[in-house]
Amino acid sequence: MAALQLLVNGVALGAAYALVALGFVLVLNATAAVNFAQGDLVMAGGLLGVAAAPLIPLPGIVLLPVVLALMAALGLLLAVVAYLPLRNRPPVSVFISTIAVGIILQNGAAILFGPEPRAAPPLFGDDTLRLGGLALPEQSLAIIAVAALLIGAQQWVFGRTQLGRRLRATAQDPEMARACGVPVTAMILVTFAIGAACAGAAGLLLANRYFVTPTAGGDLILKAYIAVTVGGWGSVPGAVVGALLIALFEVGVSSVLSYPVALGALYATLLAILVLRPQGLFGEAVRRRG
């Protein structure tokens, strides 16, 4: 029973990580730029849930659409301020601008909420669901269900709608997409909005069980970066699978040893993957010219 609870908790954590990594890789594919503010957007989403809870004293699932909408608007603002003015400059300019936005978010959160950990309301309930002899945490099951629904909805939009085809065209070849009449700038704005909404949803999902602090984004952007590296740079399915793998690894090793050991082992595993399979699990091998 304990092993099953660990598995459920690991999958729940991985599902939240997958939302973070998904938003990260969507922006990466559309702009070829790394959004280092993605972790701080997760923190912002969690604190939005904390702030909204006294105003809307309802379960977290009711707050989720509010958080998604506000975070999408924040993603648009991020694109307008930190990406569009620098899109024709060297990539390092965008890296630095997103880092600056992340620092602004951290300090703003510290001013508004203080440094202490905060908890958002649970999605449905914080009890234990009993099925026969099994006892499973309701919040973990709710995180898995909500994250799966959001990831599935995103995949449906990208795979089955005209908007999704335009977004994919922009990610694959912006110049050709522009020549074919696709409004590339608008699609990039939409991509930033979706990426920020994914981050905000992850923040709300994590903020009940794992709490949220103004500096929590740094650890989360590293987890997203590792998930993308493990899964394959630029691969959306790879980012999701990578997020699940690192969460299961983290929970499993932490339960046997300790969290610092799990974190150190995770980074050691990342180094091994970079050496042995730098393209990741789903990435294509890059051949060097002799």
Protein backbone atom coordinates (compact mmCIF):
# COMPACT_ATOMS: atom_id res chain seq x y z
CA MET A 1 0.00 0.00 0.00
CA ALA A 2 2.82 2.41 0.85
CA ALA A 3 4.44 1.70 -2.51
CA LEU A 4 1.18 2.50 -4.31
CA GLN A 5 0.84 5.78 -2.42
CA LEU A 6 4.39 6.70 -3.38
CA LEU A 7 3.62 5.87 -7.00
CA VAL A 8 0.47 8.01 -7.00
CA ASN A 9 2.30 10.90 -5.34
CA GLY A 10 5.16 10.57 -7.83
CA VAL A 11 2.83 10.57 -10.83
CA ALA A 12 0.97 13.59 -9.40
CA LEU A 13 4.22 15.50 -8.96
CA GLY A 14 5.30 14.46 -12.44
CA ALA A 15 1.99 15.59 -13.93
CA ALA A 16 2.52 19.07 -12.47
CA TYR A 17 6.13 19.10 -13.67
CA ALA A 18 4.85 18.08 -17.11
CA LEU A 19 2.71 21.22 -17.32
CA VAL A 20 5.75 23.34 -16.46
CA ALA A 21 7.92 21.57 -19.04
CA LEU A 22 5.16 21.68 -21.65
CA GLY A 23 4.87 25.47 -21.46
CA PHE A 24 8.66 25.72 -21.49
CA VAL A 25 9.08 23.66 -24.67
CA LEU A 26 6.17 25.32 -26.49
CA VAL A 27 7.84 28.73 -26.19
CA LEU A 28 11.20 27.19 -27.04
CA ASN A 29 9.84 25.66 -30.26
CA ALA A 30 8.03 28.83 -31.33
CA THR A 31 10.83 31.31 -30.64
CA ALA A 32 14.06 29.28 -30.34
CA ALA A 33 14.52 31.16 -27.06
CA VAL A 34 14.56 29.79 -23.53
CA ASN A 35 12.06 31.40 -21.18
CA PHE A 36 13.91 31.42 -17.87
CA ALA A 37 10.91 33.05 -16.18
CA GLN A 38 8.84 29.86 -16.57
CA GLY A 39 9.55 28.71 -13.02
CA ASP A 40 8.60 32.08 -11.60
CA LEU A 41 5.35 31.94 -13.58
CA VAL A 42 4.60 28.70 -11.71
CA MET A 43 5.20 30.55 -8.46
CA ALA A 44 2.94 33.38 -9.63
CA GLY A 45 0.14 30.93 -10.44
CA GLY A 46 0.38 29.38 -6.99
CA LEU A 47 0.27 32.76 -5.27
CA LEU A 48 -2.69 33.82 -7.41
CA GLY A 49 -4.52 30.80 -5.99
CA VAL A 50 -3.48 31.84 -2.48
CA ALA A 51 -4.70 35.42 -3.07
CA ALA A 52 -7.98 34.34 -4.66
CA ALA A 53 -8.90 31.82 -1.96
CA PRO A 54 -10.20 34.39 0.59
CA LEU A 55 -12.16 36.19 -2.15
CA ILE A 56 -13.61 32.99 -3.64
CA PRO A 57 -13.85 30.51 -0.73
CA LEU A 58 -14.36 27.52 -2.99
CA PRO A 59 -12.29 24.46 -3.93
CA GLY A 60 -9.22 25.01 -6.10
CA ILE A 61 -10.89 23.56 -9.17
CA VAL A 62 -13.21 26.59 -9.23
CA LEU A 63 -10.21 28.93 -9.00
CA LEU A 64 -8.43 27.15 -11.86
CA PRO A 65 -10.15 29.04 -14.75
CA VAL A 66 -9.42 32.35 -13.01
CA VAL A 67 -5.75 31.45 -12.61
CA LEU A 68 -5.52 30.24 -16.23
CA ALA A 69 -6.99 33.49 -17.57
CA LEU A 70 -4.82 35.78 -15.41
CA MET A 71 -1.67 33.79 -16.18
CA ALA A 72 -2.41 33.84 -19.92
CA ALA A 73 -2.62 37.64 -19.68
CA LEU A 74 0.68 37.68 -17.78
CA GLY A 75 2.21 35.52 -20.53
CA LEU A 76 1.11 38.04 -23.14
CA LEU A 77 2.68 40.83 -21.11
CA LEU A 78 5.90 38.82 -20.82
CA ALA A 79 6.03 38.36 -24.60
CA VAL A 80 5.41 42.06 -25.27
CA VAL A 81 7.97 43.26 -22.72
CA ALA A 82 10.71 40.62 -22.76
CA TYR A 83 10.60 38.94 -26.18
CA LEU A 84 9.15 41.00 -29.04
CA PRO A 85 11.46 44.04 -28.61
CA LEU A 86 14.48 41.68 -28.64
CA ARG A 87 13.42 39.04 -31.15
CA ASN A 88 15.92 40.19 -33.81
CA ARG A 89 18.82 40.47 -31.40
CA PRO A 90 21.17 37.68 -30.22
CA PRO A 91 19.39 34.93 -28.21
CA VAL A 92 21.31 35.88 -25.07
CA SER A 93 19.29 39.13 -24.99
CA VAL A 94 16.04 37.19 -24.54
CA PHE A 95 17.66 34.90 -21.95
CA ILE A 96 18.67 37.92 -19.87
CA SER A 97 15.32 39.67 -20.31
CA THR A 98 13.36 36.63 -19.10
CA ILE A 99 15.72 36.24 -16.14
CA ALA A 100 15.04 39.91 -15.32
CA VAL A 101 11.29 39.33 -15.51
CA GLY A 102 11.66 36.34 -13.18
CA ILE A 103 13.56 38.46 -10.64
CA ILE A 104 10.86 41.13 -10.85
CA LEU A 105 8.19 38.49 -10.19
CA GLN A 106 10.16 37.11 -7.23
CA ASN A 107 10.63 40.49 -5.60
CA GLY A 108 7.05 41.54 -6.28
CA ALA A 109 5.79 38.34 -4.68
CA ALA A 110 8.06 38.86 -1.66
CA ILE A 111 6.72 42.39 -1.21
CA LEU A 112 3.07 41.37 -1.53
CA PHE A 113 3.08 38.03 0.27
CA GLY A 114 6.24 37.91 2.36
CA PRO A 115 8.83 35.13 2.39
CA GLU A 116 6.87 32.52 4.36
CA PRO A 117 5.44 29.44 2.58
CA ARG A 118 1.78 29.69 1.58
CA ALA A 119 -0.76 27.00 0.69
CA ALA A 120 -3.53 27.23 -1.89
CA PRO A 121 -6.84 25.41 -1.35
CA PRO A 122 -7.08 21.76 -2.47
CA LEU A 123 -8.65 21.05 -5.85
CA PHE A 124 -11.57 19.02 -4.47
CA GLY A 125 -10.74 17.87 -0.98
CA ASP A 126 -7.79 16.97 1.20
CA ASP A 127 -9.07 13.65 2.48
CA THR A 128 -8.02 10.10 1.71
CA LEU A 129 -9.99 8.11 -0.85
CA ARG A 130 -10.53 4.53 0.32
CA LEU A 131 -11.10 1.83 -2.28
CA GLY A 132 -11.31 -1.53 -0.59
CA GLY A 133 -8.04 -1.87 1.27
CA LEU A 134 -6.40 1.00 -0.61
CA ALA A 135 -6.03 4.51 0.80
CA LEU A 136 -5.08 7.13 -1.81
CA PRO A 137 -4.73 10.90 -1.31
CA GLU A 138 -7.54 12.77 -3.07
CA GLN A 139 -5.35 15.78 -3.88
CA SER A 140 -2.80 13.64 -5.73
CA LEU A 141 -5.53 11.93 -7.75
CA ALA A 142 -7.08 15.32 -8.55
CA ILE A 143 -3.69 16.71 -9.70
CA ILE A 144 -3.26 13.75 -12.07
CA ALA A 145 -6.77 14.12 -13.48
CA VAL A 146 -6.61 17.91 -13.96
CA ALA A 147 -3.10 17.84 -15.46
CA ALA A 148 -4.09 15.04 -17.85
CA LEU A 149 -7.16 17.02 -18.91
CA LEU A 150 -5.13 20.19 -19.54
CA ILE A 151 -2.40 18.36 -21.46
CA GLY A 152 -5.02 16.50 -23.49
CA ALA A 153 -6.83 19.76 -24.29
CA GLN A 154 -3.58 21.35 -25.40
CA GLN A 155 -2.78 18.39 -27.64
CA TRP A 156 -6.28 18.54 -29.15
CA VAL A 157 -5.91 22.25 -29.92
CA PHE A 158 -2.52 21.74 -31.54
CA GLY A 159 -3.55 18.64 -33.47
CA ARG A 160 -7.16 19.26 -34.50
CA THR A 161 -7.79 22.98 -34.88
CA GLN A 162 -6.83 25.71 -37.34
CA LEU A 163 -5.21 27.65 -34.52
CA GLY A 164 -3.13 24.61 -33.67
CA ARG A 165 -1.96 24.21 -37.28
CA ARG A 166 -0.89 27.85 -37.33
CA LEU A 167 0.93 27.45 -34.02
CA ARG A 168 2.73 24.35 -35.31
CA ALA A 169 3.66 26.10 -38.55
CA THR A 170 5.09 29.02 -36.58
CA ALA A 171 7.13 26.65 -34.43
CA GLN A 172 8.45 24.65 -37.41
CA ASP A 173 9.40 27.50 -39.78
CA PRO A 174 8.36 31.07 -38.89
CA GLU A 175 9.56 32.56 -42.17
CA MET A 176 7.69 30.05 -44.32
CA ALA A 177 4.61 30.40 -42.12
CA ARG A 178 4.71 34.18 -42.57
CA ALA A 179 5.03 33.74 -46.35
CA CYS A 180 1.91 31.54 -46.28
CA GLY A 181 -0.12 34.22 -44.51
CA VAL A 182 0.17 32.99 -40.91
CA PRO A 183 0.25 35.92 -38.43
CA VAL A 184 3.48 34.78 -36.81
CA THR A 185 3.65 37.52 -34.18
CA ALA A 186 0.11 36.79 -33.03
CA MET A 187 0.90 33.06 -32.85
CA ILE A 188 3.98 33.76 -30.74
CA LEU A 189 1.83 35.82 -28.37
CA VAL A 190 -0.65 32.93 -28.13
CA THR A 191 2.21 30.52 -27.43
CA PHE A 192 3.48 32.68 -24.56
CA ALA A 193 -0.08 32.86 -23.20
CA ILE A 194 -0.48 29.07 -23.34
CA GLY A 195 2.94 28.52 -21.77
CA ALA A 196 2.17 30.89 -18.90
CA ALA A 197 -1.27 29.33 -18.39
CA CYS A 198 0.34 25.87 -18.14
CA ALA A 199 2.81 27.25 -15.59
CA GLY A 200 0.03 28.90 -13.59
CA ALA A 201 -2.01 25.70 -13.54
CA ALA A 202 1.02 23.79 -12.28
CA GLY A 203 1.51 26.40 -9.58
CA LEU A 204 -2.06 26.03 -8.36
CA LEU A 205 -1.80 22.23 -8.42
CA LEU A 206 1.45 22.19 -6.44
CA ALA A 207 0.68 24.99 -3.97
CA ASN A 208 -1.60 22.92 -1.75
CA ARG A 209 0.67 19.97 -0.95
CA TYR A 210 4.10 21.49 -1.60
CA PHE A 211 3.36 25.13 -0.67
CA VAL A 212 4.69 28.14 -2.57
CA THR A 213 7.29 30.81 -1.76
CA PRO A 214 8.55 33.76 -3.82
CA THR A 215 11.81 31.91 -4.55
CA ALA A 216 10.25 28.56 -5.50
CA GLY A 217 10.58 29.23 -9.25
CA GLY A 218 14.32 28.58 -9.40
CA ASP A 219 13.98 24.91 -8.52
CA LEU A 220 11.03 24.47 -10.89
CA ILE A 221 12.77 25.94 -13.94
CA LEU A 222 15.65 23.52 -13.33
CA LYS A 223 13.18 20.61 -13.21
CA ALA A 224 11.60 21.79 -16.47
CA TYR A 225 15.04 22.12 -18.07
CA ILE A 226 15.99 18.60 -16.95
CA ALA A 227 12.67 17.19 -18.21
CA VAL A 228 13.19 18.76 -21.64
CA THR A 229 16.79 17.50 -21.75
CA VAL A 230 15.84 13.98 -20.72
CA GLY A 231 12.87 13.79 -23.08
CA GLY A 232 14.60 15.35 -26.06
CA TRP A 233 15.20 19.03 -26.72
CA GLY A 234 12.11 20.44 -28.43
CA SER A 235 9.98 17.28 -28.12
CA VAL A 236 6.57 17.88 -26.51
CA PRO A 237 5.91 14.17 -25.70
CA GLY A 238 9.49 13.92 -24.50
CA ALA A 239 9.01 16.84 -22.10
CA VAL A 240 5.96 15.15 -20.56
CA VAL A 241 7.67 11.76 -20.25
CA GLY A 242 10.83 13.38 -18.91
CA ALA A 243 8.84 15.25 -16.26
CA LEU A 244 7.16 12.04 -15.11
CA LEU A 245 10.47 10.20 -14.96
CA ILE A 246 12.27 12.81 -12.89
CA ALA A 247 9.35 13.11 -10.46
CA LEU A 248 9.18 9.33 -9.95
CA PHE A 249 12.96 9.27 -9.51
CA GLU A 250 12.81 12.13 -7.01
CA VAL A 251 9.99 10.63 -4.94
CA GLY A 252 11.43 7.11 -5.03
CA VAL A 253 14.96 8.06 -3.96
CA SER A 254 13.67 10.52 -1.35
CA SER A 255 11.55 7.81 0.27
CA VAL A 256 14.53 5.47 0.57
CA LEU A 257 17.32 7.96 1.34
CA SER A 258 16.65 11.73 1.51
CA TYR A 259 15.66 14.64 -0.70
CA PRO A 260 19.20 16.12 -0.95
CA VAL A 261 20.49 12.72 -2.07
CA ALA A 262 17.66 12.45 -4.60
CA LEU A 263 18.45 15.91 -5.96
CA GLY A 264 22.16 15.16 -6.25
CA ALA A 265 21.45 11.83 -7.95
CA LEU A 266 19.06 13.58 -10.35
CA TYR A 267 21.73 16.03 -11.48
CA ALA A 268 24.28 13.21 -11.77
CA THR A 269 21.83 11.32 -13.97
CA LEU A 270 21.37 14.44 -16.10
CA LEU A 271 25.13 14.66 -16.64
CA ALA A 272 25.21 10.99 -17.65
CA ILE A 273 22.41 11.54 -20.17
CA LEU A 274 24.18 14.57 -21.64
CA VAL A 275 27.30 12.45 -22.15
CA LEU A 276 25.72 9.17 -23.29
CA ARG A 277 22.59 10.36 -25.13
CA PRO A 278 22.66 14.16 -25.54
CA GLN A 279 19.63 14.12 -27.87
CA GLY A 280 17.43 12.73 -25.05
CA LEU A 281 14.94 9.89 -25.20
CA PHE A 282 12.82 11.24 -28.07
CA GLY A 283 15.31 13.52 -29.79
CA GLU A 284 17.04 12.74 -33.05
CA ALA A 285 20.74 12.07 -33.03
CA VAL A 286 22.87 14.86 -34.45
CA ARG A 287 25.72 13.72 -36.65
CA ARG A 288 28.92 15.69 -36.69
CA ARG A 289 30.77 16.29 -39.90
CA GLY A 290 34.17 14.69 -40.07
